[in-house]
């Protein structure tokens, strides 16, 4: 029946047997799918960036960030820029069918991404300890009642937009690290991710906001396990190129967040 249908379509002028519709822009379907996803994801970040910009322009905006915060954010930027380079090298190695170098560059990219998350977590912890409140979360013990506490009560839009925007970006970087871990190590990555989640859950204090955020790793572990066990495969150069598109998008978003959030809210 299927052969008859194909012959009917060919006779009706819908293409010869074995002929398929040309891919969009000459790209394979995985790349087109990632482009479409990133286009939709950019709307989310665009809305958050617009909210921060609107409040920055039309509100008496605080300038809480000093020299230490700018230096820390600059190091985070350097980590992401370095990760873009290692990601490109990983794609080139995959296209050359060099499996060992591909895995090495992907692991290097994951290391830079993890360093970014850790540095961002340290920045958050410092700001929260100094009094900047996270909307919807209890205040940690020993939180100071200084300048940042006054900002949280006087200009609540600052904490809401700052934490909302940077948390969304941290989540995307975390997803990217898990994504690359699955591509580079496949099922071997699952126990590693599980150990990291358990360590974070039991070592991070209960009054720390990241005690809740660490559960993103648990969700990533479950989703990764489902994907790897339902459809185990050896990821090829196309898969690595598509993961690189996602990673470069995350890096590009940070290039907007850094000057907007940090440099425009600094007293230096």
Protein backbone atom coordinates (compact mmCIF):
# COMPACT_ATOMS: atom_id res chain seq x y z
CA UNK A 1 0.00 0.00 0.00
CA UNK A 2 2.86 2.37 0.85
CA UNK A 3 4.52 1.68 -2.52
CA UNK A 4 1.23 2.36 -4.28
CA UNK A 5 0.89 5.66 -2.47
CA UNK A 6 4.42 6.68 -3.49
CA UNK A 7 3.71 5.78 -7.11
CA UNK A 8 0.48 7.78 -6.99
CA UNK A 9 2.29 10.83 -5.61
CA UNK A 10 4.98 10.53 -8.28
CA UNK A 11 2.38 10.24 -11.03
CA UNK A 12 0.52 13.25 -9.64
CA UNK A 13 3.65 15.39 -9.89
CA UNK A 14 4.57 15.34 -6.20
CA UNK A 15 8.15 14.17 -6.85
CA UNK A 16 9.90 11.09 -8.09
CA UNK A 17 10.32 7.94 -6.03
CA UNK A 18 12.93 8.38 -3.30
CA UNK A 19 12.91 12.17 -3.66
CA UNK A 20 12.46 14.26 -0.53
CA UNK A 21 11.72 17.90 0.07
CA UNK A 22 14.86 20.04 0.32
CA UNK A 23 15.75 20.99 3.91
CA UNK A 24 15.16 24.55 5.10
CA UNK A 25 18.12 26.81 4.15
CA UNK A 26 20.06 23.69 3.19
CA UNK A 27 20.45 22.72 6.87
CA UNK A 28 19.64 19.36 8.39
CA UNK A 29 16.56 19.01 10.57
CA UNK A 30 18.39 18.96 13.91
CA UNK A 31 20.00 22.33 13.23
CA UNK A 32 16.72 23.86 12.02
CA UNK A 33 14.99 22.57 15.16
CA UNK A 34 17.64 24.14 17.38
CA UNK A 35 17.39 27.43 15.50
CA UNK A 36 13.64 27.49 16.05
CA UNK A 37 14.05 26.65 19.74
CA UNK A 38 16.65 29.39 20.23
CA UNK A 39 14.42 31.87 18.42
CA UNK A 40 11.61 31.14 20.86
CA UNK A 41 13.99 31.16 23.82
CA UNK A 42 15.31 34.57 22.83
CA UNK A 43 11.80 35.95 23.41
CA UNK A 44 12.00 34.87 27.06
CA UNK A 45 15.35 36.55 27.59
CA UNK A 46 14.21 39.54 25.59
CA UNK A 47 11.26 40.04 27.95
CA UNK A 48 13.51 39.80 31.02
CA UNK A 49 16.07 42.20 29.55
CA UNK A 50 13.29 44.63 28.64
CA UNK A 51 11.88 44.47 32.18
CA UNK A 52 15.29 45.23 33.68
CA UNK A 53 15.94 48.06 31.18
CA UNK A 54 12.53 49.62 31.75
CA UNK A 55 13.00 49.67 35.51
CA UNK A 56 16.56 50.93 35.12
CA UNK A 57 15.38 53.90 33.06
CA UNK A 58 12.14 54.85 34.82
CA UNK A 59 13.01 54.05 38.44
CA UNK A 60 15.43 55.61 40.89
CA UNK A 61 17.81 52.75 40.34
CA UNK A 62 20.34 51.67 42.97
CA UNK A 63 24.03 51.13 42.15
CA UNK A 64 24.99 48.37 44.58
CA UNK A 65 27.79 46.76 42.62
CA UNK A 66 31.33 47.74 43.47
CA UNK A 67 34.80 46.78 42.32
CA UNK A 68 34.66 43.22 43.66
CA UNK A 69 31.40 42.43 41.85
CA UNK A 70 32.70 43.82 38.56
CA UNK A 71 35.92 41.81 38.83
CA UNK A 72 33.95 38.64 39.60
CA UNK A 73 31.56 39.25 36.69
CA UNK A 74 34.52 39.92 34.39
CA UNK A 75 36.06 36.57 35.34
CA UNK A 76 32.70 34.90 34.67
CA UNK A 77 32.67 36.54 31.24
CA UNK A 78 36.18 35.25 30.56
CA UNK A 79 35.03 31.73 31.49
CA UNK A 80 32.16 31.86 29.02
CA UNK A 81 34.31 33.32 26.25
CA UNK A 82 36.85 30.55 26.82
CA UNK A 83 34.07 27.98 26.73
CA UNK A 84 32.98 29.28 23.32
CA UNK A 85 36.49 28.68 22.02
CA UNK A 86 36.66 25.13 23.40
CA UNK A 87 33.19 24.41 22.01
CA UNK A 88 34.29 25.48 18.52
CA UNK A 89 37.39 23.30 18.81
CA UNK A 90 35.16 20.41 19.87
CA UNK A 91 32.97 20.86 16.78
CA UNK A 92 36.06 20.94 14.53
CA UNK A 93 37.40 17.78 16.18
CA UNK A 94 34.04 16.04 15.68
CA UNK A 95 33.99 17.00 12.02
CA UNK A 96 37.49 15.51 11.71
CA UNK A 97 36.19 12.30 13.37
CA UNK A 98 38.68 12.62 16.24
CA UNK A 99 36.66 11.15 19.11
CA UNK A 100 39.25 11.61 21.87
CA UNK A 101 39.86 15.30 21.12
CA UNK A 102 36.12 15.89 20.73
CA UNK A 103 35.47 14.49 24.20
CA UNK A 104 38.39 16.47 25.63
CA UNK A 105 37.14 19.79 24.25
CA UNK A 106 33.57 19.09 25.39
CA UNK A 107 34.83 18.35 28.91
CA UNK A 108 36.84 21.58 28.85
CA UNK A 109 33.70 23.48 27.83
CA UNK A 110 31.81 21.86 30.71
CA UNK A 111 34.60 22.87 33.11
CA UNK A 112 34.39 26.53 32.07
CA UNK A 113 30.59 26.42 32.31
CA UNK A 114 30.77 24.88 35.78
CA UNK A 115 33.26 27.55 36.86
CA UNK A 116 30.79 30.19 35.68
CA UNK A 117 27.98 28.65 37.72
CA UNK A 118 30.15 28.40 40.84
CA UNK A 119 31.34 32.00 40.55
CA UNK A 120 27.77 33.18 39.98
CA UNK A 121 26.64 31.17 43.00
CA UNK A 122 29.33 32.81 45.13
CA UNK A 123 28.19 36.24 43.93
CA UNK A 124 24.57 35.43 44.78
CA UNK A 125 25.51 34.11 48.23
CA UNK A 126 27.51 37.27 48.97
CA UNK A 127 24.71 39.59 47.87
CA UNK A 128 22.04 37.68 49.80
CA UNK A 129 24.20 37.61 52.94
CA UNK A 130 24.60 41.39 52.65
CA UNK A 131 20.83 41.84 52.64
CA UNK A 132 19.59 41.56 49.06
CA UNK A 133 16.44 39.45 49.31
CA UNK A 134 15.34 36.78 46.86
CA UNK A 135 11.57 37.17 46.33
CA UNK A 136 9.69 34.11 47.53
CA UNK A 137 12.54 32.60 49.56
CA UNK A 138 13.16 32.81 53.33
CA UNK A 139 15.97 35.05 54.52
CA UNK A 140 19.08 33.12 55.61
CA UNK A 141 20.33 33.24 59.19
CA UNK A 142 22.86 35.99 59.82
CA UNK A 143 21.71 38.16 56.93
CA UNK A 144 22.97 41.72 57.35
CA UNK A 145 20.64 44.71 57.48
CA UNK A 146 22.74 47.20 55.52
CA UNK A 147 22.59 48.91 52.16
CA UNK A 148 21.32 45.86 50.27
CA UNK A 149 18.48 45.35 52.74
CA UNK A 150 17.38 48.94 52.14
CA UNK A 151 17.49 48.35 48.40
CA UNK A 152 15.30 45.25 48.76
CA UNK A 153 12.63 47.22 50.61
CA UNK A 154 13.00 50.56 48.81
CA UNK A 155 13.40 49.29 45.24
CA UNK A 156 12.06 45.73 45.19
CA UNK A 157 12.13 45.75 41.39
CA UNK A 158 15.92 45.57 41.51
CA UNK A 159 16.13 42.27 43.37
CA UNK A 160 13.24 40.79 41.39
CA UNK A 161 14.67 41.63 37.97
CA UNK A 162 18.31 40.94 38.91
CA UNK A 163 17.66 37.52 40.40
CA UNK A 164 15.06 36.63 37.78
CA UNK A 165 17.34 37.43 34.84
CA UNK A 166 20.54 35.94 36.22
CA UNK A 167 18.74 32.86 37.57
CA UNK A 168 17.29 32.15 34.13
CA UNK A 169 20.75 32.44 32.61
CA UNK A 170 22.31 30.21 35.28
CA UNK A 171 19.60 27.63 34.58
CA UNK A 172 20.42 27.71 30.87
CA UNK A 173 24.14 27.28 31.55
CA UNK A 174 23.34 24.35 33.86
CA UNK A 175 21.20 22.75 31.15
CA UNK A 176 24.04 23.32 28.69
CA UNK A 177 26.57 21.59 30.96
CA UNK A 178 24.23 18.60 31.37
CA UNK A 179 23.58 18.57 27.62
CA UNK A 180 27.31 18.43 26.85
CA UNK A 181 27.86 15.82 29.56
CA UNK A 182 25.31 13.53 27.94
CA UNK A 183 26.86 14.04 24.49
CA UNK A 184 30.44 13.54 25.72
CA UNK A 185 30.00 10.71 28.24
CA UNK A 186 26.53 9.29 27.54
CA UNK A 187 25.41 6.86 30.30
CA UNK A 188 28.66 7.33 32.22
CA UNK A 189 27.52 10.89 32.95
CA UNK A 190 24.44 9.78 34.92
CA UNK A 191 26.23 8.55 38.09
CA UNK A 192 28.50 11.60 38.00
CA UNK A 193 25.49 13.91 37.87
CA UNK A 194 23.79 11.93 40.64
CA UNK A 195 26.81 12.23 42.95
CA UNK A 196 27.04 16.00 42.31
CA UNK A 197 23.35 16.41 43.12
CA UNK A 198 23.61 14.40 46.36
CA UNK A 199 26.72 16.30 47.43
CA UNK A 200 25.08 19.64 46.76
CA UNK A 201 21.82 18.68 48.46
CA UNK A 202 23.48 17.57 51.70
CA UNK A 203 26.37 20.06 51.81
CA UNK A 204 24.53 23.28 50.89
CA UNK A 205 22.83 24.76 54.01
CA UNK A 206 19.05 24.53 54.11
CA UNK A 207 18.68 28.33 54.36
CA UNK A 208 20.74 28.86 51.20
CA UNK A 209 18.74 29.53 48.05
CA UNK A 210 20.89 27.02 46.14
CA UNK A 211 19.63 24.26 48.43
CA UNK A 212 16.48 24.48 46.34
CA UNK A 213 18.24 25.25 43.07
CA UNK A 214 20.41 22.14 43.25
CA UNK A 215 17.29 20.10 42.48
CA UNK A 216 17.61 21.31 38.88
CA UNK A 217 20.36 18.69 38.66
CA UNK A 218 17.93 16.02 39.82
CA UNK A 219 15.47 17.00 37.11
CA UNK A 220 18.30 16.97 34.58
CA UNK A 221 19.35 13.53 35.81
CA UNK A 222 15.85 12.11 35.32
CA UNK A 223 15.40 13.64 31.86
CA UNK A 224 18.89 12.54 30.76
CA UNK A 225 18.29 8.99 31.99
CA UNK A 226 15.00 8.76 30.10
CA UNK A 227 16.64 9.97 26.88
CA UNK A 228 19.71 7.75 27.19
CA UNK A 229 17.80 4.57 28.03
CA UNK A 230 14.99 5.06 25.52
CA UNK A 231 17.27 5.94 22.63
CA UNK A 232 20.94 5.13 23.30
CA UNK A 233 23.17 6.32 20.47
CA UNK A 234 26.68 7.44 19.62
CA UNK A 235 26.43 11.18 19.03
CA UNK A 236 27.90 12.33 15.71
CA UNK A 237 29.32 15.62 14.45
CA UNK A 238 25.84 16.96 13.69
CA UNK A 239 24.74 16.38 17.30
CA UNK A 240 27.83 18.16 18.61
CA UNK A 241 27.32 21.08 16.23
CA UNK A 242 23.73 21.45 17.40
CA UNK A 243 24.81 21.40 21.06
CA UNK A 244 27.36 24.06 20.13
CA UNK A 245 24.58 26.29 18.79
CA UNK A 246 22.84 26.11 22.15
CA UNK A 247 26.06 26.84 24.03
CA UNK A 248 26.96 29.85 21.88
CA UNK A 249 23.45 31.22 22.38
CA UNK A 250 23.89 31.05 26.17
CA UNK A 251 27.24 32.83 25.87
CA UNK A 252 25.72 35.50 23.63
CA UNK A 253 22.94 36.19 26.12
CA UNK A 254 25.53 36.82 28.83
CA UNK A 255 27.16 39.45 26.59
CA UNK A 256 23.91 41.41 26.99
CA UNK A 257 23.41 40.67 30.69
CA UNK A 258 26.89 41.66 31.86
CA UNK A 259 26.91 45.29 30.64
CA UNK A 260 23.22 45.81 31.34
CA UNK A 261 22.96 44.32 34.82
CA UNK A 262 26.41 44.85 36.27
CA UNK A 263 28.00 47.81 34.49
CA UNK A 264 24.80 49.88 34.53
CA UNK A 265 24.26 49.22 38.25
CA UNK A 266 27.76 49.93 39.50
CA UNK A 267 29.15 52.84 41.47
CA UNK A 268 32.68 52.38 40.16
